[in-house]
Amino acid sequence: MSHFSVDEDLKSEINVIPLIDVMLVLLIIFMITAPLLNTNMPVKLPKARGVQQQGSGQQITLTITKDGQIFLGSNNLVPLDELGQRAKAVLDTKGAEQKIFIRADENVNYGLVLKVMGELVAYGITNINLVANQATSPSRKN
């Protein structure tokens, strides 16, 4: 049996090093998965041939749902008359090349998509990309 002498100091502190290690691992996991969890509004994109994938540069996504609601980013509902100003502010904070991707439901009125694009162009946003799903190529029979 060991006995402590009066001169020996007992440390009753919590060792926080393992806690810090676990927190750093969790932070890294959340930093990696947060952009992947960017749940966009559910829209049924039209299909087209020759569709290219979205780039990963400085961009924001604008979603137009089938009922005509406009969302800037993941879930910020924006009225049409404020769209250009708010999109410009978001792109200015991101800096670099200004890209905006429009995800419009295939049942959205074409006129609404043109109004949205007009609002963006009025605020100097000209790098506008339309997002679609890749269409399956029909098999050719000779």
C-alpha atoms as a PDB file:
ATOM      1  CA  MET A   1       0.000   0.000   0.000  1.00  0.00           C
ATOM      2  CA  SER A   2       1.243   3.402  -0.817  1.00  0.00           C
ATOM      3  CA  HIS A   3       0.672   6.301   1.451  1.00  0.00           C
ATOM      4  CA  PHE A   4       0.921   9.935   0.459  1.00  0.00           C
ATOM      5  CA  SER A   5       3.107  12.143   2.482  1.00  0.00           C
ATOM      6  CA  VAL A   6       2.076  15.613   3.493  1.00  0.00           C
ATOM      7  CA  ASP A   7       4.682  17.167   1.191  1.00  0.00           C
ATOM      8  CA  GLU A   8       3.350  15.418  -1.920  1.00  0.00           C
ATOM      9  CA  ASP A   9       0.825  17.474  -3.919  1.00  0.00           C
ATOM     10  CA  LEU A  10      -2.197  15.737  -5.258  1.00  0.00           C
ATOM     11  CA  LYS A  11      -3.394  17.038  -8.603  1.00  0.00           C
ATOM     12  CA  SER A  12      -7.107  16.933  -8.987  1.00  0.00           C
ATOM     13  CA  GLU A  13      -7.306  18.562 -12.412  1.00  0.00           C
ATOM     14  CA  ILE A  14      -9.077  17.204 -15.449  1.00  0.00           C
ATOM     15  CA  ASN A  15      -6.826  16.279 -18.332  1.00  0.00           C
ATOM     16  CA  VAL A  16      -8.286  18.332 -21.205  1.00  0.00           C
ATOM     17  CA  ILE A  17      -5.888  17.189 -23.946  1.00  0.00           C
ATOM     18  CA  PRO A  18      -8.073  14.215 -25.013  1.00  0.00           C
ATOM     19  CA  LEU A  19     -11.118  16.481 -24.937  1.00  0.00           C
ATOM     20  CA  ILE A  20      -9.383  18.983 -27.217  1.00  0.00           C
ATOM     21  CA  ASP A  21      -8.385  16.167 -29.593  1.00  0.00           C
ATOM     22  CA  VAL A  22     -11.966  14.964 -29.830  1.00  0.00           C
ATOM     23  CA  MET A  23     -13.263  18.499 -30.377  1.00  0.00           C
ATOM     24  CA  LEU A  24     -10.773  19.129 -33.192  1.00  0.00           C
ATOM     25  CA  VAL A  25     -11.793  15.897 -34.919  1.00  0.00           C
ATOM     26  CA  LEU A  26     -15.460  16.861 -34.629  1.00  0.00           C
ATOM     27  CA  LEU A  27     -14.709  20.335 -35.957  1.00  0.00           C
ATOM     28  CA  ILE A  28     -12.954  18.881 -38.994  1.00  0.00           C
ATOM     29  CA  ILE A  29     -15.831  16.459 -39.623  1.00  0.00           C
ATOM     30  CA  PHE A  30     -18.386  19.285 -39.474  1.00  0.00           C
ATOM     31  CA  MET A  31     -16.263  21.518 -41.705  1.00  0.00           C
ATOM     32  CA  ILE A  32     -16.127  18.794 -44.344  1.00  0.00           C
ATOM     33  CA  THR A  33     -19.762  17.703 -44.165  1.00  0.00           C
ATOM     34  CA  ALA A  34     -21.428  21.128 -43.819  1.00  0.00           C
ATOM     35  CA  PRO A  35     -21.028  22.106 -47.498  1.00  0.00           C
ATOM     36  CA  LEU A  36     -22.262  18.668 -48.520  1.00  0.00           C
ATOM     37  CA  LEU A  37     -25.414  19.106 -46.452  1.00  0.00           C
ATOM     38  CA  ASN A  38     -26.404  22.156 -48.476  1.00  0.00           C
ATOM     39  CA  THR A  39     -29.969  20.972 -48.921  1.00  0.00           C
ATOM     40  CA  ASN A  40     -31.355  22.955 -51.791  1.00  0.00           C
ATOM     41  CA  MET A  41     -35.031  23.385 -52.358  1.00  0.00           C
ATOM     42  CA  PRO A  42     -36.513  20.315 -54.008  1.00  0.00           C
ATOM     43  CA  VAL A  43     -36.935  21.176 -57.673  1.00  0.00           C
ATOM     44  CA  LYS A  44     -37.395  18.884 -60.639  1.00  0.00           C
ATOM     45  CA  LEU A  45     -34.707  20.102 -63.017  1.00  0.00           C
ATOM     46  CA  PRO A  46     -35.283  19.820 -66.753  1.00  0.00           C
ATOM     47  CA  LYS A  47     -33.156  17.344 -68.679  1.00  0.00           C
ATOM     48  CA  ALA A  48     -30.879  18.412 -71.521  1.00  0.00           C
ATOM     49  CA  ARG A  49     -28.032  16.923 -73.498  1.00  0.00           C
ATOM     50  CA  GLY A  50     -24.560  18.384 -73.204  1.00  0.00           C
ATOM     51  CA  VAL A  51     -25.010  19.493 -69.592  1.00  0.00           C
ATOM     52  CA  GLN A  52     -21.811  20.374 -67.729  1.00  0.00           C
ATOM     53  CA  GLN A  53     -21.359  19.969 -64.006  1.00  0.00           C
ATOM     54  CA  GLN A  54     -21.326  23.030 -61.769  1.00  0.00           C
ATOM     55  CA  GLY A  55     -17.860  24.382 -61.106  1.00  0.00           C
ATOM     56  CA  SER A  56     -16.528  24.823 -57.616  1.00  0.00           C
ATOM     57  CA  GLY A  57     -15.404  28.448 -57.899  1.00  0.00           C
ATOM     58  CA  GLN A  58     -16.966  31.463 -56.240  1.00  0.00           C
ATOM     59  CA  GLN A  59     -20.650  30.970 -56.950  1.00  0.00           C
ATOM     60  CA  ILE A  60     -24.067  31.099 -55.448  1.00  0.00           C
ATOM     61  CA  THR A  61     -27.116  29.086 -56.343  1.00  0.00           C
ATOM     62  CA  LEU A  62     -30.485  30.664 -56.987  1.00  0.00           C
ATOM     63  CA  THR A  63     -33.453  28.273 -56.858  1.00  0.00           C
ATOM     64  CA  ILE A  64     -36.876  28.904 -58.388  1.00  0.00           C
ATOM     65  CA  THR A  65     -39.493  26.439 -57.141  1.00  0.00           C
ATOM     66  CA  LYS A  66     -42.470  25.305 -59.173  1.00  0.00           C
ATOM     67  CA  ASP A  67     -44.759  27.682 -57.251  1.00  0.00           C
ATOM     68  CA  GLY A  68     -42.547  30.667 -58.192  1.00  0.00           C
ATOM     69  CA  GLN A  69     -40.677  31.191 -54.925  1.00  0.00           C
ATOM     70  CA  ILE A  70     -37.078  32.384 -55.299  1.00  0.00           C
ATOM     71  CA  PHE A  71     -34.398  31.221 -52.878  1.00  0.00           C
ATOM     72  CA  LEU A  72     -30.911  32.711 -52.737  1.00  0.00           C
ATOM     73  CA  GLY A  73     -28.378  30.204 -51.421  1.00  0.00           C
ATOM     74  CA  SER A  74     -29.734  27.247 -49.513  1.00  0.00           C
ATOM     75  CA  ASN A  75     -32.906  28.599 -47.903  1.00  0.00           C
ATOM     76  CA  ASN A  76     -33.146  32.405 -48.046  1.00  0.00           C
ATOM     77  CA  LEU A  77     -36.508  33.357 -49.566  1.00  0.00           C
ATOM     78  CA  VAL A  78     -36.107  36.561 -51.605  1.00  0.00           C
ATOM     79  CA  PRO A  79     -38.766  38.686 -53.333  1.00  0.00           C
ATOM     80  CA  LEU A  80     -38.105  39.337 -57.037  1.00  0.00           C
ATOM     81  CA  ASP A  81     -37.703  43.111 -56.572  1.00  0.00           C
ATOM     82  CA  GLU A  82     -34.894  42.625 -53.989  1.00  0.00           C
ATOM     83  CA  LEU A  83     -33.159  39.778 -55.811  1.00  0.00           C
ATOM     84  CA  GLY A  84     -30.562  41.713 -57.807  1.00  0.00           C
ATOM     85  CA  GLN A  85     -29.447  43.835 -54.875  1.00  0.00           C
ATOM     86  CA  ARG A  86     -29.143  40.879 -52.481  1.00  0.00           C
ATOM     87  CA  ALA A  87     -27.396  38.632 -55.006  1.00  0.00           C
ATOM     88  CA  LYS A  88     -24.905  41.409 -55.764  1.00  0.00           C
ATOM     89  CA  ALA A  89     -24.216  41.866 -52.043  1.00  0.00           C
ATOM     90  CA  VAL A  90     -23.598  38.137 -51.570  1.00  0.00           C
ATOM     91  CA  LEU A  91     -21.319  37.903 -54.604  1.00  0.00           C
ATOM     92  CA  ASP A  92     -19.396  41.025 -53.537  1.00  0.00           C
ATOM     93  CA  THR A  93     -18.623  39.442 -50.173  1.00  0.00           C
ATOM     94  CA  LYS A  94     -17.345  36.289 -51.878  1.00  0.00           C
ATOM     95  CA  GLY A  95     -15.115  38.319 -54.205  1.00  0.00           C
ATOM     96  CA  ALA A  96     -13.282  36.931 -57.238  1.00  0.00           C
ATOM     97  CA  GLU A  97     -15.276  35.916 -60.288  1.00  0.00           C
ATOM     98  CA  GLN A  98     -19.006  36.368 -59.921  1.00  0.00           C
ATOM     99  CA  LYS A  99     -20.939  33.241 -60.888  1.00  0.00           C
ATOM    100  CA  ILE A 100     -24.550  32.491 -60.226  1.00  0.00           C
ATOM    101  CA  PHE A 101     -26.301  29.209 -60.980  1.00  0.00           C
ATOM    102  CA  ILE A 102     -30.061  29.210 -61.532  1.00  0.00           C
ATOM    103  CA  ARG A 103     -31.885  26.007 -60.622  1.00  0.00           C
ATOM    104  CA  ALA A 104     -35.424  26.377 -61.920  1.00  0.00           C
ATOM    105  CA  ASP A 105     -38.085  23.691 -61.718  1.00  0.00           C
ATOM    106  CA  GLU A 106     -39.065  22.401 -65.144  1.00  0.00           C
ATOM    107  CA  ASN A 107     -42.644  23.571 -64.541  1.00  0.00           C
ATOM    108  CA  VAL A 108     -41.674  27.194 -63.847  1.00  0.00           C
ATOM    109  CA  ASN A 109     -43.008  29.801 -66.249  1.00  0.00           C
ATOM    110  CA  TYR A 110     -40.275  30.798 -68.713  1.00  0.00           C
ATOM    111  CA  GLY A 111     -41.184  34.454 -68.203  1.00  0.00           C
ATOM    112  CA  LEU A 112     -40.290  34.234 -64.497  1.00  0.00           C
ATOM    113  CA  VAL A 113     -36.841  32.833 -65.318  1.00  0.00           C
ATOM    114  CA  LEU A 114     -36.303  35.752 -67.732  1.00  0.00           C
ATOM    115  CA  LYS A 115     -37.421  38.265 -65.083  1.00  0.00           C
ATOM    116  CA  VAL A 116     -34.962  36.747 -62.601  1.00  0.00           C
ATOM    117  CA  MET A 117     -32.154  36.923 -65.148  1.00  0.00           C
ATOM    118  CA  GLY A 118     -33.114  40.520 -65.975  1.00  0.00           C
ATOM    119  CA  GLU A 119     -32.898  41.514 -62.299  1.00  0.00           C
ATOM    120  CA  LEU A 120     -29.437  39.976 -62.043  1.00  0.00           C
ATOM    121  CA  VAL A 121     -28.159  41.657 -65.212  1.00  0.00           C
ATOM    122  CA  ALA A 122     -29.530  45.012 -64.022  1.00  0.00           C
ATOM    123  CA  TYR A 123     -27.137  44.762 -61.050  1.00  0.00           C
ATOM    124  CA  GLY A 124     -24.145  43.828 -63.199  1.00  0.00           C
ATOM    125  CA  ILE A 125     -24.270  40.065 -62.675  1.00  0.00           C
ATOM    126  CA  THR A 126     -23.657  38.671 -66.152  1.00  0.00           C
ATOM    127  CA  ASN A 127     -22.066  35.291 -65.430  1.00  0.00           C
ATOM    128  CA  ILE A 128     -25.376  33.426 -65.170  1.00  0.00           C
ATOM    129  CA  ASN A 129     -25.555  29.660 -65.624  1.00  0.00           C
ATOM    130  CA  LEU A 130     -28.676  27.525 -65.913  1.00  0.00           C
ATOM    131  CA  VAL A 131     -28.596  24.147 -64.171  1.00  0.00           C
ATOM    132  CA  ALA A 132     -30.181  21.032 -65.672  1.00  0.00           C
ATOM    133  CA  ASN A 133     -29.884  17.288 -65.309  1.00  0.00           C
ATOM    134  CA  GLN A 134     -28.053  15.267 -67.956  1.00  0.00           C
ATOM    135  CA  ALA A 135     -30.507  13.703 -70.383  1.00  0.00           C
ATOM    136  CA  THR A 136     -30.030  10.116 -71.363  1.00  0.00           C
ATOM    137  CA  SER A 137     -29.086   9.841 -75.007  1.00  0.00           C
ATOM    138  CA  PRO A 138     -31.587   7.927 -77.084  1.00  0.00           C
ATOM    139  CA  SER A 139     -30.150   4.836 -78.677  1.00  0.00           C
ATOM    140  CA  ARG A 140     -29.839   5.230 -82.436  1.00  0.00           C
ATOM    141  CA  LYS A 141     -31.185   2.490 -84.658  1.00  0.00           C
ATOM    142  CA  ASN A 142     -29.926   2.270 -88.223  1.00  0.00           C
END
